Amino acid sequence: SKWGGIFTDDQMAATMIDRLVYHGH
C-alpha cells in the first residue's frame, strides 16, 4: 500500500504489484 509513494505514481506501483503477485508468493 506504500509503494505508490515511492514509485512515480500509484498506477505504476499497482501494475508492478499485479505482475509480481500473479505468479508469486
mmCIF file of all heavy atoms, coordinates in Angstrom:
data_MODEL
# 
_entry.id   MODEL 
# 
loop_
_atom_site.group_PDB 
_atom_site.id 
_atom_site.type_symbol 
_atom_site.label_atom_id 
_atom_site.label_alt_id 
_atom_site.label_comp_id 
_atom_site.label_asym_id 
_atom_site.label_entity_id 
_atom_site.label_seq_id 
_atom_site.pdbx_PDB_ins_code 
_atom_site.Cartn_x 
_atom_site.Cartn_y 
_atom_site.Cartn_z 
_atom_site.occupancy 
_atom_site.B_iso_or_equiv 
_atom_site.pdbx_formal_charge 
_atom_site.auth_seq_id 
_atom_site.auth_comp_id 
_atom_site.auth_asym_id 
_atom_site.auth_atom_id 
_atom_site.pdbx_PDB_model_num 
ATOM 1   N N   . SER A 1 1  ? 0.813  -1.222  0.000   1.00 0.00 ? 1  SER A N   1 
ATOM 2   C CA  . SER A 1 1  ? 0.000  0.000   0.000   1.00 0.00 ? 1  SER A CA  1 
ATOM 3   C C   . SER A 1 1  ? 0.845  1.271   0.000   1.00 0.00 ? 1  SER A C   1 
ATOM 4   O O   . SER A 1 1  ? 0.351  2.340   -0.345  1.00 0.00 ? 1  SER A O   1 
ATOM 5   C CB  . SER A 1 1  ? -0.957 0.008   1.196   1.00 0.00 ? 1  SER A CB  1 
ATOM 6   O OG  . SER A 1 1  ? -0.222 0.080   2.405   1.00 0.00 ? 1  SER A OG  1 
ATOM 7   N N   . LYS A 1 2  ? 2.118  1.159   0.340   1.00 0.00 ? 2  LYS A N   1 
ATOM 8   C CA  . LYS A 1 2  ? 3.004  2.328   0.370   1.00 0.00 ? 2  LYS A CA  1 
ATOM 9   C C   . LYS A 1 2  ? 3.880  2.454   -0.873  1.00 0.00 ? 2  LYS A C   1 
ATOM 10  O O   . LYS A 1 2  ? 4.632  3.406   -0.999  1.00 0.00 ? 2  LYS A O   1 
ATOM 11  C CB  . LYS A 1 2  ? 3.866  2.279   1.623   1.00 0.00 ? 2  LYS A CB  1 
ATOM 12  C CG  . LYS A 1 2  ? 3.035  2.407   2.887   1.00 0.00 ? 2  LYS A CG  1 
ATOM 13  C CD  . LYS A 1 2  ? 3.873  2.452   4.112   1.00 0.00 ? 2  LYS A CD  1 
ATOM 14  C CE  . LYS A 1 2  ? 2.947  2.584   5.329   1.00 0.00 ? 2  LYS A CE  1 
ATOM 15  N NZ  . LYS A 1 2  ? 3.648  2.508   6.576   1.00 0.00 ? 2  LYS A NZ  1 
ATOM 16  N N   . TRP A 1 3  ? 3.783  1.511   -1.803  1.00 0.00 ? 3  TRP A N   1 
ATOM 17  C CA  . TRP A 1 3  ? 4.627  1.545   -2.991  1.00 0.00 ? 3  TRP A CA  1 
ATOM 18  C C   . TRP A 1 3  ? 4.323  2.749   -3.877  1.00 0.00 ? 3  TRP A C   1 
ATOM 19  O O   . TRP A 1 3  ? 5.211  3.265   -4.531  1.00 0.00 ? 3  TRP A O   1 
ATOM 20  C CB  . TRP A 1 3  ? 4.484  0.254   -3.784  1.00 0.00 ? 3  TRP A CB  1 
ATOM 21  C CG  . TRP A 1 3  ? 5.305  -0.870  -3.242  1.00 0.00 ? 3  TRP A CG  1 
ATOM 22  C CD1 . TRP A 1 3  ? 5.697  -1.069  -1.957  1.00 0.00 ? 3  TRP A CD1 1 
ATOM 23  C CD2 . TRP A 1 3  ? 5.831  -1.969  -3.987  1.00 0.00 ? 3  TRP A CD2 1 
ATOM 24  N NE1 . TRP A 1 3  ? 6.417  -2.223  -1.853  1.00 0.00 ? 3  TRP A NE1 1 
ATOM 25  C CE2 . TRP A 1 3  ? 6.513  -2.793  -3.082  1.00 0.00 ? 3  TRP A CE2 1 
ATOM 26  C CE3 . TRP A 1 3  ? 5.765  -2.335  -5.323  1.00 0.00 ? 3  TRP A CE3 1 
ATOM 27  C CZ2 . TRP A 1 3  ? 7.158  -3.960  -3.474  1.00 0.00 ? 3  TRP A CZ2 1 
ATOM 28  C CZ3 . TRP A 1 3  ? 6.403  -3.501  -5.711  1.00 0.00 ? 3  TRP A CZ3 1 
ATOM 29  C CH2 . TRP A 1 3  ? 7.087  -4.302  -4.803  1.00 0.00 ? 3  TRP A CH2 1 
ATOM 30  N N   . GLY A 1 4  ? 3.092  3.220   -3.901  1.00 0.00 ? 4  GLY A N   1 
ATOM 31  C CA  . GLY A 1 4  ? 2.734  4.364   -4.727  1.00 0.00 ? 4  GLY A CA  1 
ATOM 32  C C   . GLY A 1 4  ? 3.500  5.617   -4.354  1.00 0.00 ? 4  GLY A C   1 
ATOM 33  O O   . GLY A 1 4  ? 3.815  6.448   -5.209  1.00 0.00 ? 4  GLY A O   1 
ATOM 34  N N   . GLY A 1 5  ? 3.837  5.774   -3.091  1.00 0.00 ? 5  GLY A N   1 
ATOM 35  C CA  . GLY A 1 5  ? 4.595  6.931   -2.641  1.00 0.00 ? 5  GLY A CA  1 
ATOM 36  C C   . GLY A 1 5  ? 6.061  6.879   -3.046  1.00 0.00 ? 5  GLY A C   1 
ATOM 37  O O   . GLY A 1 5  ? 6.734  7.898   -3.105  1.00 0.00 ? 5  GLY A O   1 
ATOM 38  N N   . ILE A 1 6  ? 6.570  5.702   -3.334  1.00 0.00 ? 6  ILE A N   1 
ATOM 39  C CA  . ILE A 1 6  ? 7.966  5.540   -3.723  1.00 0.00 ? 6  ILE A CA  1 
ATOM 40  C C   . ILE A 1 6  ? 8.122  5.596   -5.234  1.00 0.00 ? 6  ILE A C   1 
ATOM 41  O O   . ILE A 1 6  ? 9.060  6.189   -5.751  1.00 0.00 ? 6  ILE A O   1 
ATOM 42  C CB  . ILE A 1 6  ? 8.510  4.188   -3.199  1.00 0.00 ? 6  ILE A CB  1 
ATOM 43  C CG1 . ILE A 1 6  ? 8.491  4.170   -1.669  1.00 0.00 ? 6  ILE A CG1 1 
ATOM 44  C CG2 . ILE A 1 6  ? 9.903  3.915   -3.728  1.00 0.00 ? 6  ILE A CG2 1 
ATOM 45  C CD1 . ILE A 1 6  ? 9.352  5.229   -1.011  1.00 0.00 ? 6  ILE A CD1 1 
ATOM 46  N N   . PHE A 1 7  ? 7.201  4.963   -5.945  1.00 0.00 ? 7  PHE A N   1 
ATOM 47  C CA  . PHE A 1 7  ? 7.284  4.921   -7.394  1.00 0.00 ? 7  PHE A CA  1 
ATOM 48  C C   . PHE A 1 7  ? 6.662  6.176   -8.003  1.00 0.00 ? 7  PHE A C   1 
ATOM 49  O O   . PHE A 1 7  ? 6.083  6.989   -7.307  1.00 0.00 ? 7  PHE A O   1 
ATOM 50  C CB  . PHE A 1 7  ? 6.622  3.649   -7.921  1.00 0.00 ? 7  PHE A CB  1 
ATOM 51  C CG  . PHE A 1 7  ? 7.329  2.410   -7.447  1.00 0.00 ? 7  PHE A CG  1 
ATOM 52  C CD1 . PHE A 1 7  ? 6.791  1.621   -6.462  1.00 0.00 ? 7  PHE A CD1 1 
ATOM 53  C CD2 . PHE A 1 7  ? 8.568  2.061   -7.973  1.00 0.00 ? 7  PHE A CD2 1 
ATOM 54  C CE1 . PHE A 1 7  ? 7.451  0.497   -6.001  1.00 0.00 ? 7  PHE A CE1 1 
ATOM 55  C CE2 . PHE A 1 7  ? 9.236  0.951   -7.517  1.00 0.00 ? 7  PHE A CE2 1 
ATOM 56  C CZ  . PHE A 1 7  ? 8.686  0.156   -6.530  1.00 0.00 ? 7  PHE A CZ  1 
ATOM 57  N N   . THR A 1 8  ? 6.792  6.317   -9.301  1.00 0.00 ? 8  THR A N   1 
ATOM 58  C CA  . THR A 1 8  ? 6.334  7.521   -9.983  1.00 0.00 ? 8  THR A CA  1 
ATOM 59  C C   . THR A 1 8  ? 4.881  7.836   -9.682  1.00 0.00 ? 8  THR A C   1 
ATOM 60  O O   . THR A 1 8  ? 4.522  8.981   -9.470  1.00 0.00 ? 8  THR A O   1 
ATOM 61  C CB  . THR A 1 8  ? 6.529  7.379   -11.505 1.00 0.00 ? 8  THR A CB  1 
ATOM 62  O OG1 . THR A 1 8  ? 7.891  7.010   -11.740 1.00 0.00 ? 8  THR A OG1 1 
ATOM 63  C CG2 . THR A 1 8  ? 6.226  8.656   -12.218 1.00 0.00 ? 8  THR A CG2 1 
ATOM 64  N N   . ASP A 1 9  ? 4.039  6.800   -9.658  1.00 0.00 ? 9  ASP A N   1 
ATOM 65  C CA  . ASP A 1 9  ? 2.621  7.019   -9.363  1.00 0.00 ? 9  ASP A CA  1 
ATOM 66  C C   . ASP A 1 9  ? 1.983  5.728   -8.877  1.00 0.00 ? 9  ASP A C   1 
ATOM 67  O O   . ASP A 1 9  ? 2.570  4.657   -8.958  1.00 0.00 ? 9  ASP A O   1 
ATOM 68  C CB  . ASP A 1 9  ? 1.880  7.575   -10.582 1.00 0.00 ? 9  ASP A CB  1 
ATOM 69  C CG  . ASP A 1 9  ? 1.964  6.675   -11.796 1.00 0.00 ? 9  ASP A CG  1 
ATOM 70  O OD1 . ASP A 1 9  ? 1.843  5.435   -11.657 1.00 0.00 ? 9  ASP A OD1 1 
ATOM 71  O OD2 . ASP A 1 9  ? 2.149  7.208   -12.900 1.00 0.00 ? 9  ASP A OD2 1 
ATOM 72  N N   . ASP A 1 10 ? 0.767  5.871   -8.368  1.00 0.00 ? 10 ASP A N   1 
ATOM 73  C CA  . ASP A 1 10 ? 0.052  4.709   -7.845  1.00 0.00 ? 10 ASP A CA  1 
ATOM 74  C C   . ASP A 1 10 ? -0.234 3.666   -8.921  1.00 0.00 ? 10 ASP A C   1 
ATOM 75  O O   . ASP A 1 10 ? -0.206 2.470   -8.659  1.00 0.00 ? 10 ASP A O   1 
ATOM 76  C CB  . ASP A 1 10 ? -1.269 5.148   -7.195  1.00 0.00 ? 10 ASP A CB  1 
ATOM 77  C CG  . ASP A 1 10 ? -1.054 5.886   -5.888  1.00 0.00 ? 10 ASP A CG  1 
ATOM 78  O OD1 . ASP A 1 10 ? 0.020  5.711   -5.270  1.00 0.00 ? 10 ASP A OD1 1 
ATOM 79  O OD2 . ASP A 1 10 ? -1.964 6.633   -5.484  1.00 0.00 ? 10 ASP A OD2 1 
ATOM 80  N N   . GLN A 1 11 ? -0.511 4.115   -10.140 1.00 0.00 ? 11 GLN A N   1 
ATOM 81  C CA  . GLN A 1 11 ? -0.831 3.188   -11.232 1.00 0.00 ? 11 GLN A CA  1 
ATOM 82  C C   . GLN A 1 11 ? 0.372  2.308   -11.581 1.00 0.00 ? 11 GLN A C   1 
ATOM 83  O O   . GLN A 1 11 ? 0.236  1.116   -11.787 1.00 0.00 ? 11 GLN A O   1 
ATOM 84  C CB  . GLN A 1 11 ? -1.304 3.950   -12.475 1.00 0.00 ? 11 GLN A CB  1 
ATOM 85  C CG  . GLN A 1 11 ? -1.760 3.041   -13.606 1.00 0.00 ? 11 GLN A CG  1 
ATOM 86  C CD  . GLN A 1 11 ? -2.926 2.150   -13.207 1.00 0.00 ? 11 GLN A CD  1 
ATOM 87  O OE1 . GLN A 1 11 ? -3.848 2.603   -12.544 1.00 0.00 ? 11 GLN A OE1 1 
ATOM 88  N NE2 . GLN A 1 11 ? -2.888 0.896   -13.588 1.00 0.00 ? 11 GLN A NE2 1 
ATOM 89  N N   . MET A 1 12 ? 1.571  2.909   -11.638 1.00 0.00 ? 12 MET A N   1 
ATOM 90  C CA  . MET A 1 12 ? 2.760  2.113   -11.934 1.00 0.00 ? 12 MET A CA  1 
ATOM 91  C C   . MET A 1 12 ? 3.021  1.120   -10.807 1.00 0.00 ? 12 MET A C   1 
ATOM 92  O O   . MET A 1 12 ? 3.348  -0.037  -11.056 1.00 0.00 ? 12 MET A O   1 
ATOM 93  C CB  . MET A 1 12 ? 3.993  2.989   -12.147 1.00 0.00 ? 12 MET A CB  1 
ATOM 94  C CG  . MET A 1 12 ? 5.206  2.134   -12.509 1.00 0.00 ? 12 MET A CG  1 
ATOM 95  S SD  . MET A 1 12 ? 6.674  2.963   -13.086 1.00 0.00 ? 12 MET A SD  1 
ATOM 96  C CE  . MET A 1 12 ? 6.989  4.162   -11.854 1.00 0.00 ? 12 MET A CE  1 
ATOM 97  N N   . ALA A 1 13 ? 2.861  1.551   -9.577  1.00 0.00 ? 13 ALA A N   1 
ATOM 98  C CA  . ALA A 1 13 ? 3.052  0.651   -8.443  1.00 0.00 ? 13 ALA A CA  1 
ATOM 99  C C   . ALA A 1 13 ? 2.048  -0.497  -8.499  1.00 0.00 ? 13 ALA A C   1 
ATOM 100 O O   . ALA A 1 13 ? 2.415  -1.659  -8.296  1.00 0.00 ? 13 ALA A O   1 
ATOM 101 C CB  . ALA A 1 13 ? 2.911  1.419   -7.131  1.00 0.00 ? 13 ALA A CB  1 
ATOM 102 N N   . ALA A 1 14 ? 0.799  -0.199  -8.798  1.00 0.00 ? 14 ALA A N   1 
ATOM 103 C CA  . ALA A 1 14 ? -0.242 -1.236  -8.893  1.00 0.00 ? 14 ALA A CA  1 
ATOM 104 C C   . ALA A 1 14 ? 0.071  -2.228  -10.011 1.00 0.00 ? 14 ALA A C   1 
ATOM 105 O O   . ALA A 1 14 ? -0.128 -3.437  -9.852  1.00 0.00 ? 14 ALA A O   1 
ATOM 106 C CB  . ALA A 1 14 ? -1.609 -0.595  -9.118  1.00 0.00 ? 14 ALA A CB  1 
ATOM 107 N N   . THR A 1 15 ? 0.576  -1.731  -11.124 1.00 0.00 ? 15 THR A N   1 
ATOM 108 C CA  . THR A 1 15 ? 0.936  -2.606  -12.248 1.00 0.00 ? 15 THR A CA  1 
ATOM 109 C C   . THR A 1 15 ? 2.078  -3.532  -11.852 1.00 0.00 ? 15 THR A C   1 
ATOM 110 O O   . THR A 1 15 ? 2.056  -4.731  -12.146 1.00 0.00 ? 15 THR A O   1 
ATOM 111 C CB  . THR A 1 15 ? 1.329  -1.764  -13.481 1.00 0.00 ? 15 THR A CB  1 
ATOM 112 O OG1 . THR A 1 15 ? 0.226  -0.928  -13.826 1.00 0.00 ? 15 THR A OG1 1 
ATOM 113 C CG2 . THR A 1 15 ? 1.692  -2.643  -14.657 1.00 0.00 ? 15 THR A CG2 1 
ATOM 114 N N   . MET A 1 16 ? 3.091  -3.001  -11.177 1.00 0.00 ? 16 MET A N   1 
ATOM 115 C CA  . MET A 1 16 ? 4.215  -3.834  -10.734 1.00 0.00 ? 16 MET A CA  1 
ATOM 116 C C   . MET A 1 16 ? 3.757  -4.897  -9.747  1.00 0.00 ? 16 MET A C   1 
ATOM 117 O O   . MET A 1 16 ? 4.126  -6.063  -9.860  1.00 0.00 ? 16 MET A O   1 
ATOM 118 C CB  . MET A 1 16 ? 5.303  -2.971  -10.106 1.00 0.00 ? 16 MET A CB  1 
ATOM 119 C CG  . MET A 1 16 ? 6.137  -2.238  -11.119 1.00 0.00 ? 16 MET A CG  1 
ATOM 120 S SD  . MET A 1 16 ? 7.648  -1.562  -10.431 1.00 0.00 ? 16 MET A SD  1 
ATOM 121 C CE  . MET A 1 16 ? 7.017  -0.141  -9.580  1.00 0.00 ? 16 MET A CE  1 
ATOM 122 N N   . ILE A 1 17 ? 2.957  -4.488  -8.786  1.00 0.00 ? 17 ILE A N   1 
ATOM 123 C CA  . ILE A 1 17 ? 2.456  -5.427  -7.781  1.00 0.00 ? 17 ILE A CA  1 
ATOM 124 C C   . ILE A 1 17 ? 1.641  -6.524  -8.443  1.00 0.00 ? 17 ILE A C   1 
ATOM 125 O O   . ILE A 1 17 ? 1.793  -7.706  -8.131  1.00 0.00 ? 17 ILE A O   1 
ATOM 126 C CB  . ILE A 1 17 ? 1.643  -4.686  -6.705  1.00 0.00 ? 17 ILE A CB  1 
ATOM 127 C CG1 . ILE A 1 17 ? 2.563  -3.771  -5.893  1.00 0.00 ? 17 ILE A CG1 1 
ATOM 128 C CG2 . ILE A 1 17 ? 0.901  -5.668  -5.807  1.00 0.00 ? 17 ILE A CG2 1 
ATOM 129 C CD1 . ILE A 1 17 ? 1.831  -2.743  -5.052  1.00 0.00 ? 17 ILE A CD1 1 
ATOM 130 N N   . ASP A 1 18 ? 0.784  -6.149  -9.390  1.00 0.00 ? 18 ASP A N   1 
ATOM 131 C CA  . ASP A 1 18 ? -0.038 -7.116  -10.102 1.00 0.00 ? 18 ASP A CA  1 
ATOM 132 C C   . ASP A 1 18 ? 0.828  -8.161  -10.805 1.00 0.00 ? 18 ASP A C   1 
ATOM 133 O O   . ASP A 1 18 ? 0.567  -9.353  -10.724 1.00 0.00 ? 18 ASP A O   1 
ATOM 134 C CB  . ASP A 1 18 ? -0.919 -6.383  -11.115 1.00 0.00 ? 18 ASP A CB  1 
ATOM 135 C CG  . ASP A 1 18 ? -1.822 -7.328  -11.872 1.00 0.00 ? 18 ASP A CG  1 
ATOM 136 O OD1 . ASP A 1 18 ? -2.694 -7.956  -11.228 1.00 0.00 ? 18 ASP A OD1 1 
ATOM 137 O OD2 . ASP A 1 18 ? -1.640 -7.460  -13.099 1.00 0.00 ? 18 ASP A OD2 1 
ATOM 138 N N   . ARG A 1 19 ? 1.873  -7.730  -11.478 1.00 0.00 ? 19 ARG A N   1 
ATOM 139 C CA  . ARG A 1 19 ? 2.749  -8.650  -12.206 1.00 0.00 ? 19 ARG A CA  1 
ATOM 140 C C   . ARG A 1 19 ? 3.576  -9.509  -11.265 1.00 0.00 ? 19 ARG A C   1 
ATOM 141 O O   . ARG A 1 19 ? 3.892  -10.648 -11.579 1.00 0.00 ? 19 ARG A O   1 
ATOM 142 C CB  . ARG A 1 19 ? 3.639  -7.867  -13.163 1.00 0.00 ? 19 ARG A CB  1 
ATOM 143 C CG  . ARG A 1 19 ? 2.821  -7.311  -14.303 1.00 0.00 ? 19 ARG A CG  1 
ATOM 144 C CD  . ARG A 1 19 ? 3.627  -6.543  -15.287 1.00 0.00 ? 19 ARG A CD  1 
ATOM 145 N NE  . ARG A 1 19 ? 2.729  -6.103  -16.360 1.00 0.00 ? 19 ARG A NE  1 
ATOM 146 C CZ  . ARG A 1 19 ? 2.983  -5.107  -17.165 1.00 0.00 ? 19 ARG A CZ  1 
ATOM 147 N NH1 . ARG A 1 19 ? 4.108  -4.438  -17.058 1.00 0.00 ? 19 ARG A NH1 1 
ATOM 148 N NH2 . ARG A 1 19 ? 2.124  -4.770  -18.100 1.00 0.00 ? 19 ARG A NH2 1 
ATOM 149 N N   . LEU A 1 20 ? 3.925  -8.978  -10.118 1.00 0.00 ? 20 LEU A N   1 
ATOM 150 C CA  . LEU A 1 20 ? 4.714  -9.749  -9.160  1.00 0.00 ? 20 LEU A CA  1 
ATOM 151 C C   . LEU A 1 20 ? 3.899  -10.838 -8.470  1.00 0.00 ? 20 LEU A C   1 
ATOM 152 O O   . LEU A 1 20 ? 4.358  -11.960 -8.309  1.00 0.00 ? 20 LEU A O   1 
ATOM 153 C CB  . LEU A 1 20 ? 5.309  -8.826  -8.095  1.00 0.00 ? 20 LEU A CB  1 
ATOM 154 C CG  . LEU A 1 20 ? 6.473  -7.965  -8.530  1.00 0.00 ? 20 LEU A CG  1 
ATOM 155 C CD1 . LEU A 1 20 ? 6.772  -6.921  -7.467  1.00 0.00 ? 20 LEU A CD1 1 
ATOM 156 C CD2 . LEU A 1 20 ? 7.697  -8.821  -8.801  1.00 0.00 ? 20 LEU A CD2 1 
ATOM 157 N N   . VAL A 1 21 ? 2.698  -10.503 -8.053  1.00 0.00 ? 21 VAL A N   1 
ATOM 158 C CA  . VAL A 1 21 ? 1.925  -11.459 -7.252  1.00 0.00 ? 21 VAL A CA  1 
ATOM 159 C C   . VAL A 1 21 ? 1.127  -12.458 -8.077  1.00 0.00 ? 21 VAL A C   1 
ATOM 160 O O   . VAL A 1 21 ? 0.723  -13.494 -7.553  1.00 0.00 ? 21 VAL A O   1 
ATOM 161 C CB  . VAL A 1 21 ? 0.999  -10.746 -6.243  1.00 0.00 ? 21 VAL A CB  1 
ATOM 162 C CG1 . VAL A 1 21 ? 1.792  -9.878  -5.297  1.00 0.00 ? 21 VAL A CG1 1 
ATOM 163 C CG2 . VAL A 1 21 ? -0.076 -9.942  -6.932  1.00 0.00 ? 21 VAL A CG2 1 
ATOM 164 N N   . TYR A 1 22 ? 0.916  -12.191 -9.359  1.00 0.00 ? 22 TYR A N   1 
ATOM 165 C CA  . TYR A 1 22 ? 0.111  -13.102 -10.181 1.00 0.00 ? 22 TYR A CA  1 
ATOM 166 C C   . TYR A 1 22 ? 0.705  -14.499 -10.197 1.00 0.00 ? 22 TYR A C   1 
ATOM 167 O O   . TYR A 1 22 ? -0.002 -15.482 -10.041 1.00 0.00 ? 22 TYR A O   1 
ATOM 168 C CB  . TYR A 1 22 ? -0.026 -12.554 -11.601 1.00 0.00 ? 22 TYR A CB  1 
ATOM 169 C CG  . TYR A 1 22 ? -0.893 -13.426 -12.474 1.00 0.00 ? 22 TYR A CG  1 
ATOM 170 C CD1 . TYR A 1 22 ? -2.253 -13.576 -12.203 1.00 0.00 ? 22 TYR A CD1 1 
ATOM 171 C CD2 . TYR A 1 22 ? -0.360 -14.122 -13.543 1.00 0.00 ? 22 TYR A CD2 1 
ATOM 172 C CE1 . TYR A 1 22 ? -3.057 -14.388 -12.990 1.00 0.00 ? 22 TYR A CE1 1 
ATOM 173 C CE2 . TYR A 1 22 ? -1.152 -14.933 -14.338 1.00 0.00 ? 22 TYR A CE2 1 
ATOM 174 C CZ  . TYR A 1 22 ? -2.500 -15.059 -14.058 1.00 0.00 ? 22 TYR A CZ  1 
ATOM 175 O OH  . TYR A 1 22 ? -3.287 -15.872 -14.831 1.00 0.00 ? 22 TYR A OH  1 
ATOM 176 N N   . HIS A 1 23 ? 1.992  -14.622 -10.384 1.00 0.00 ? 23 HIS A N   1 
ATOM 177 C CA  . HIS A 1 23 ? 2.687  -15.911 -10.348 1.00 0.00 ? 23 HIS A CA  1 
ATOM 178 C C   . HIS A 1 23 ? 3.709  -15.904 -9.221  1.00 0.00 ? 23 HIS A C   1 
ATOM 179 O O   . HIS A 1 23 ? 4.850  -16.282 -9.410  1.00 0.00 ? 23 HIS A O   1 
ATOM 180 C CB  . HIS A 1 23 ? 3.423  -16.181 -11.666 1.00 0.00 ? 23 HIS A CB  1 
ATOM 181 C CG  . HIS A 1 23 ? 2.541  -16.376 -12.834 1.00 0.00 ? 23 HIS A CG  1 
ATOM 182 N ND1 . HIS A 1 23 ? 1.682  -17.439 -12.959 1.00 0.00 ? 23 HIS A ND1 1 
ATOM 183 C CD2 . HIS A 1 23 ? 2.367  -15.639 -13.955 1.00 0.00 ? 23 HIS A CD2 1 
ATOM 184 C CE1 . HIS A 1 23 ? 1.033  -17.355 -14.103 1.00 0.00 ? 23 HIS A CE1 1 
ATOM 185 N NE2 . HIS A 1 23 ? 1.425  -16.256 -14.723 1.00 0.00 ? 23 HIS A NE2 1 
ATOM 186 N N   . GLY A 1 24 ? 3.317  -15.443 -8.050  1.00 0.00 ? 24 GLY A N   1 
ATOM 187 C CA  . GLY A 1 24 ? 4.302  -15.285 -6.997  1.00 0.00 ? 24 GLY A CA  1 
ATOM 188 C C   . GLY A 1 24 ? 3.818  -15.699 -5.626  1.00 0.00 ? 24 GLY A C   1 
ATOM 189 O O   . GLY A 1 24 ? 2.671  -16.085 -5.432  1.00 0.00 ? 24 GLY A O   1 
ATOM 190 N N   . HIS A 1 25 ? 4.729  -15.617 -4.699  1.00 0.00 ? 25 HIS A N   1 
ATOM 191 C CA  . HIS A 1 25 ? 4.478  -15.907 -3.289  1.00 0.00 ? 25 HIS A CA  1 
ATOM 192 C C   . HIS A 1 25 ? 4.981  -14.727 -2.474  1.00 0.00 ? 25 HIS A C   1 
ATOM 193 O O   . HIS A 1 25 ? 6.008  -14.138 -2.788  1.00 0.00 ? 25 HIS A O   1 
ATOM 194 C CB  . HIS A 1 25 ? 5.233  -17.161 -2.838  1.00 0.00 ? 25 HIS A CB  1 
ATOM 195 C CG  . HIS A 1 25 ? 4.863  -18.388 -3.606  1.00 0.00 ? 25 HIS A CG  1 
ATOM 196 N ND1 . HIS A 1 25 ? 3.660  -19.036 -3.449  1.00 0.00 ? 25 HIS A ND1 1 
ATOM 197 C CD2 . HIS A 1 25 ? 5.541  -19.066 -4.557  1.00 0.00 ? 25 HIS A CD2 1 
ATOM 198 C CE1 . HIS A 1 25 ? 3.615  -20.084 -4.268  1.00 0.00 ? 25 HIS A CE1 1 
ATOM 199 N NE2 . HIS A 1 25 ? 4.750  -20.117 -4.947  1.00 0.00 ? 25 HIS A NE2 1 
# 
